[in-house]
Protein backbone atom coordinates (compact mmCIF):
# COMPACT_ATOMS: atom_id res chain seq x y z
CA MET A 1 41.69 171.12 144.27
CA ALA A 2 42.23 174.63 142.94
CA ASN A 3 39.16 176.80 143.39
CA LEU A 4 38.96 177.79 139.73
CA ASN A 5 35.78 179.79 140.25
CA PHE A 6 37.62 182.04 142.70
CA TYR A 7 40.55 182.64 140.34
CA LYS A 8 38.17 183.24 137.43
CA ARG A 9 36.09 185.75 139.38
CA HIS A 10 38.98 187.77 140.80
CA LEU A 11 41.79 187.33 138.26
CA ASN A 12 40.04 186.14 135.11
CA LEU A 13 42.15 182.97 135.14
CA SER A 14 40.40 179.80 134.02
CA THR A 15 42.99 177.00 134.21
CA VAL A 16 45.72 175.78 136.54
CA ASP A 17 48.32 176.59 133.86
CA GLU A 18 47.09 180.18 133.70
CA ILE A 19 47.20 180.47 137.50
CA CYS A 20 50.75 179.09 137.64
CA ARG A 21 51.86 181.47 134.91
CA ALA A 22 50.32 184.47 136.68
CA LEU A 23 51.98 183.51 139.95
CA SER A 24 55.33 182.78 138.31
CA ASP A 25 55.33 186.09 136.42
CA THR A 26 54.88 188.07 139.64
CA LEU A 27 57.35 186.29 141.94
CA ILE A 28 59.59 188.68 143.85
CA GLU A 29 63.33 188.51 143.24
CA THR A 30 64.59 188.70 146.82
CA ASN A 31 63.47 188.44 150.40
CA TYR A 32 66.30 190.63 151.66
CA THR A 33 65.13 193.44 153.89
CA TYR A 34 67.56 195.55 155.89
CA GLU A 35 66.87 193.35 158.90
CA PHE A 36 67.63 190.14 156.99
CA PHE A 37 71.43 190.27 157.09
CA VAL A 38 72.33 190.46 160.78
CA ASN A 39 70.30 190.47 163.98
CA TRP A 40 72.46 193.09 165.65
CA SER A 41 70.58 193.13 168.94
CA LYS A 42 71.20 189.40 169.42
CA VAL A 43 74.81 189.64 168.24
CA THR A 44 75.75 192.50 170.55
CA LYS A 45 73.83 191.00 173.46
CA ASN A 46 75.79 187.76 173.16
CA ARG A 47 79.04 189.71 172.98
CA ASP A 48 78.21 191.82 176.02
CA VAL A 49 77.48 188.71 178.11
CA PHE A 50 81.22 188.01 178.09
CA LYS A 51 82.63 191.55 178.28
CA TYR A 52 84.36 190.92 181.61
CA GLU A 53 86.01 187.68 180.49
CA LEU A 54 87.03 189.20 177.16
CA ALA A 55 88.69 192.12 178.93
CA LEU A 56 90.80 189.69 180.95
CA LEU A 57 92.01 188.01 177.76
CA LYS A 58 93.60 191.28 176.64
CA SER A 59 96.43 190.54 179.06
CA LEU A 60 97.67 187.85 176.67
CA LYS A 61 98.50 190.37 173.93
CA ASN A 62 102.18 189.94 172.95
CA CYS A 63 102.87 187.69 175.94
CA GLN A 64 106.20 185.81 175.82
CA ASN A 65 105.05 182.63 177.55
CA PRO A 66 101.50 182.01 176.31
CA ILE A 67 101.00 178.57 177.85
CA SER A 68 102.14 179.49 181.35
CA ASP A 69 100.56 182.96 181.23
CA PHE A 70 97.23 181.56 180.05
CA GLY A 71 97.36 178.85 182.71
CA ASP A 72 97.99 181.45 185.41
CA LEU A 73 95.09 183.54 184.09
CA LEU A 74 92.70 180.57 184.24
CA LYS A 75 93.80 179.63 187.75
CA LYS A 76 93.11 183.16 188.96
CA TYR A 77 89.99 183.74 186.84
CA PRO A 78 88.44 180.36 185.96
CA GLU A 79 85.31 182.15 184.71
CA VAL A 80 87.30 182.95 181.55
CA ILE A 81 87.10 179.28 180.57
CA LYS A 82 83.43 179.51 179.61
CA VAL A 83 84.21 181.94 176.76
CA ILE A 84 86.64 179.57 175.00
CA PRO A 85 84.05 177.56 173.01
CA ILE A 86 82.25 180.63 171.68
CA LEU A 87 85.57 182.08 170.52
CA LEU A 88 85.79 178.92 168.40
CA ALA A 89 82.23 179.46 167.14
CA CYS A 90 80.79 176.67 169.32
CA ARG A 91 77.70 177.17 171.48
CA ASP A 92 78.18 173.94 173.44
CA GLY A 93 79.90 174.08 176.80
CA LEU A 94 80.83 170.40 176.56
CA LEU A 95 83.07 169.39 173.66
CA LYS A 96 84.29 165.92 172.71
CA VAL A 97 87.47 165.96 170.62
CA LEU A 98 89.18 163.19 168.67
CA ASN A 99 92.43 163.09 170.63
CA SER A 100 94.38 160.46 168.72
CA ILE A 101 94.06 158.59 165.46
CA GLU A 102 97.55 157.06 165.32
CA THR A 103 96.91 154.73 168.25
CA GLY A 104 93.24 154.19 167.55
CA LEU A 105 90.21 156.41 167.88
CA GLN A 106 90.52 158.08 171.27
CA TYR A 107 88.30 160.87 172.47
CA LYS A 108 88.75 163.50 175.14
CA THR A 109 85.92 165.50 176.66
CA PHE A 110 86.34 169.10 177.76
CA ASP A 111 83.82 170.77 180.05
CA PHE A 112 83.83 174.57 179.81
CA SER A 113 80.76 175.13 181.96
CA LYS A 114 82.06 174.27 185.43
CA LYS A 115 82.43 176.74 188.28
CA LYS A 116 85.69 175.27 189.61
CA TYR A 117 88.60 173.43 188.00
CA ASP A 118 91.53 171.55 189.44
CA ALA A 119 95.10 171.99 188.20
CA LYS A 120 94.92 169.03 185.80
CA GLU A 121 91.67 170.27 184.22
CA ILE A 122 93.15 173.73 183.69
CA GLU A 123 96.25 172.17 182.14
CA ASP A 124 94.05 170.20 179.74
CA ILE A 125 92.06 173.30 178.78
CA VAL A 126 95.26 175.24 178.12
CA LYS A 127 96.42 172.40 175.84
CA PHE A 128 93.05 172.42 174.09
CA THR A 129 93.26 176.17 173.49
CA LYS A 130 96.81 175.82 172.19
CA ASN A 131 96.10 172.82 169.95
CA SER A 132 92.98 174.43 168.49
CA GLY A 133 95.05 177.46 167.45
CA LEU A 134 93.01 179.85 169.58
CA LEU A 135 95.77 180.63 172.09
CA ASP A 136 98.11 181.85 169.35
CA MET A 137 95.36 184.09 168.02
CA LEU A 138 94.62 185.50 171.48
CA CYS A 139 98.27 186.51 171.78
CA GLN A 140 98.10 188.36 168.46
CA MET A 141 94.69 190.02 168.40
CA ASP A 142 94.13 193.58 169.52
CA SER A 143 90.62 192.99 170.84
CA ALA A 144 88.97 189.73 171.83
CA THR A 145 85.74 191.71 172.09
CA ASP A 146 85.84 192.73 168.43
CA TYR A 147 86.88 189.21 167.48
CA LEU A 148 83.87 187.74 169.30
CA LEU A 149 81.60 190.24 167.57
CA GLY A 150 82.83 188.86 164.25
CA VAL A 151 82.24 185.30 165.43
CA GLU A 152 78.70 186.17 166.49
CA VAL A 153 77.96 187.81 163.14
CA GLY A 154 79.16 184.65 161.39
CA LEU A 155 77.03 182.40 163.58
CA ASP A 156 74.02 184.64 163.06
CA THR A 157 74.05 183.98 159.32
CA ASN A 158 72.75 180.49 160.16
CA ALA A 159 69.55 182.15 161.36
CA ARG A 160 68.89 183.86 158.04
CA LYS A 161 66.78 180.95 156.87
CA ASN A 162 64.50 181.60 159.84
CA ARG A 163 64.24 185.27 158.87
CA SER A 164 63.64 184.56 155.18
CA GLY A 165 59.85 184.46 155.44
CA LEU A 166 59.48 187.19 158.04
CA PHE A 167 58.67 189.95 155.58
CA LEU A 168 55.87 187.83 154.11
CA GLU A 169 54.55 187.10 157.59
CA LYS A 170 54.68 190.81 158.36
CA MET A 171 52.58 191.50 155.26
CA VAL A 172 50.05 188.86 156.29
CA THR A 173 49.85 190.20 159.84
CA GLU A 174 49.31 193.76 158.59
CA THR A 175 46.59 192.57 156.19
CA LEU A 176 44.80 190.62 158.91
CA ASN A 177 45.03 193.52 161.36
CA GLU A 178 43.44 195.82 158.77
CA LEU A 179 40.72 193.27 158.09
CA ARG A 180 40.06 192.77 161.79
CA ALA A 181 39.71 196.52 162.28
CA ARG A 182 36.81 196.43 159.80
CA ASN A 183 35.34 193.12 160.91
CA ALA A 184 34.65 192.62 164.60
CA ASP A 185 33.86 188.94 164.09
CA LEU A 186 37.32 188.11 162.77
CA VAL A 187 39.97 186.56 165.01
CA PHE A 188 43.44 185.47 163.98
CA ILE A 189 46.03 183.44 165.87
CA GLU A 190 49.75 183.19 165.07
CA GLN A 191 52.31 180.45 165.66
CA LYS A 192 50.27 178.11 167.84
CA THR A 193 49.15 174.50 167.58
CA PHE A 194 45.82 173.38 166.19
CA GLY A 195 45.15 171.93 169.63
CA TYR A 196 45.35 175.44 171.06
CA VAL A 197 42.64 176.56 168.63
CA GLY A 198 40.42 173.61 169.52
CA ASP A 199 40.85 174.24 173.24
CA ASN A 200 40.20 177.98 173.13
CA TYR A 201 37.74 178.54 170.30
CA ASP A 202 34.49 176.97 169.19
CA VAL A 203 36.10 175.38 166.13
CA LYS A 204 36.37 171.72 165.19
CA ILE A 205 39.95 170.61 164.53
CA PRO A 206 41.14 167.40 162.85
CA PRO A 207 42.59 165.11 165.56
CA THR A 208 45.62 164.26 163.41
CA LEU A 209 46.67 167.92 163.36
CA ARG A 210 46.24 168.61 167.06
CA ASP A 211 49.98 168.82 167.83
CA ARG A 212 50.96 170.52 164.57
CA LYS A 213 52.03 174.16 164.59
CA PHE A 214 50.69 176.66 162.09
CA ASP A 215 51.69 180.10 160.87
CA TYR A 216 48.18 181.58 161.02
CA VAL A 217 44.64 180.51 161.75
CA VAL A 218 41.84 182.95 160.96
CA ILE A 219 38.35 182.48 162.39
CA ASN A 220 35.54 184.48 160.83
CA LYS A 221 31.93 183.87 161.86
CA GLY A 222 32.74 180.35 163.00
CA LYS A 223 34.64 179.45 159.80
CA ALA A 224 38.35 178.68 160.14
CA THR A 225 41.21 179.12 157.67
CA ASN A 226 44.82 177.98 157.99
CA ILE A 227 47.43 180.17 156.25
CA GLU A 228 50.98 178.90 155.75
CA VAL A 229 53.76 181.21 154.57
CA ASN A 230 57.19 180.52 153.08
CA PHE A 231 59.79 181.84 150.64
CA TYR A 232 62.17 179.92 148.40
CA SER A 233 65.09 181.56 146.64
CA GLY A 234 66.74 178.28 145.66
CA THR A 235 65.95 174.69 144.81
CA GLY A 236 66.10 171.47 146.78
CA SER A 237 64.05 168.59 148.08
CA LYS A 238 62.39 170.50 150.92
CA PRO A 239 60.04 172.60 148.74
CA SER A 240 58.71 169.42 147.09
CA GLU A 241 58.18 167.87 150.52
CA ILE A 242 56.41 171.03 151.69
CA VAL A 243 54.06 170.92 148.70
CA SER A 244 53.16 167.31 149.45
CA SER A 245 52.59 167.99 153.15
CA TYR A 246 50.45 171.06 152.45
CA ILE A 247 48.31 169.17 149.95
CA ASN A 248 47.67 166.58 152.63
CA ARG A 249 46.97 169.22 155.25
CA GLY A 250 44.54 171.00 152.95
CA GLU A 251 42.62 167.78 152.38
CA VAL A 252 42.46 167.01 156.11
CA LEU A 253 41.32 170.54 156.95
CA SER A 254 38.74 170.54 154.17
CA SER A 255 37.15 167.43 155.63
CA ALA A 256 36.68 169.38 158.87
CA GLY A 257 35.16 172.39 157.11
CA TRP A 258 38.30 174.54 157.04
CA LYS A 259 39.89 176.51 154.21
CA PHE A 260 43.63 176.31 153.52
CA VAL A 261 45.74 179.07 151.96
CA TRP A 262 49.34 178.70 150.88
CA LEU A 263 51.18 182.01 150.52
CA THR A 264 54.54 181.42 148.90
CA ASP A 265 57.02 183.42 146.87
CA GLY A 266 60.61 183.50 145.64
CA MET A 267 62.46 182.91 142.39
CA GLY A 268 63.21 179.33 143.43
CA TRP A 269 59.82 178.35 142.04
CA LYS A 270 61.01 179.36 138.57
CA LYS A 271 63.27 176.30 138.66
CA MET A 272 60.77 174.05 140.43
CA GLN A 273 57.75 174.46 138.21
CA ARG A 274 56.60 170.85 138.47
CA PRO A 275 56.07 170.76 142.28
CA PHE A 276 54.69 174.30 142.12
CA HIS A 277 52.15 173.24 139.49
CA ILE A 278 51.18 170.22 141.60
CA GLY A 279 50.63 172.49 144.60
CA VAL A 280 48.48 174.98 142.71
CA GLU A 281 46.46 172.17 141.17
CA ASN A 282 45.76 170.40 144.44
CA MET A 283 45.30 173.25 146.93
CA ASP A 284 42.23 175.47 147.01
CA TYR A 285 44.12 178.75 147.27
CA VAL A 286 47.75 179.53 146.39
CA ILE A 287 48.81 183.18 146.30
CA ASN A 288 52.03 185.19 146.36
CA ALA A 289 53.01 188.60 147.74
CA SER A 290 51.71 190.38 144.64
CA LEU A 291 48.26 188.82 144.97
CA LEU A 292 48.30 189.50 148.70
CA ARG A 293 48.78 193.20 147.95
CA LYS A 294 45.91 193.07 145.47
CA GLY A 295 43.57 191.97 148.26
CA LEU A 296 43.20 188.28 147.37
CA LEU A 297 43.79 187.09 150.93
CA GLU A 298 41.04 189.37 152.17
CA GLU A 299 38.68 188.02 149.51
CA ILE A 300 39.43 184.45 150.63
CA MET A 301 38.83 185.34 154.28
CA LEU A 302 35.44 186.85 153.48
CA LEU A 303 34.21 183.83 151.52
CA SER A 304 31.33 182.05 153.23
């Protein structure tokens, strides 16, 4: 349950409704930092892995006989084959394709990860590249290297959801580092399992959480606190599920003498006030980035 005494003492808030309103009024509008958009080091690294194979594909520019020329290229340089899936924005080296629907569902499997290919396999891969439309593009594009860079940027957008909470985690890490510099007894652990804490520190952990990962665990004078961090810019079922799971985790940890802190932010909570209210009501400590900056996390850590 919400630690109303804590909120009253530090924020002069007496009810769950007042706490929710204070949190909602100070939610940040975006989690976009400059690093959010594209992980350029990963993108360019993935491109550079294939720089040799991509250079060989330049020979197809304006070729008059794409099928035969591409087949000859693959026979001479079969290592080029491994770059075909990624040019189609696929990470898998083994692709199963629906080959026919007129005569029934028939599948054909293409392996792009082999070291050697026989003539029939190369013929099949040439047909695949032609039928997928990639071969025509290779004959038209000025630079397969630049094209792959664009593909990698597109694929990297899928990782944005993993980067969405990083700035909050960075704030937490900085806060804990500052607190540790002033408090020799404080230890914090990031991105491990509860089992790791139980095995390496003199702290009792609930058996049901042993294999669960956490964002942060802070140990101060033998007292342990779990901190979980996330950001929601939109709506959906997952935030409601997260609230339910964190309420349960908080109860389990409390029975073992732990504290639980949920640090969350994002304008998505404006449209999901009901699950947010339930979370605030049923967890001891819920804060956002604004309250983190005001020192509330530090106050929680120093509670006996």
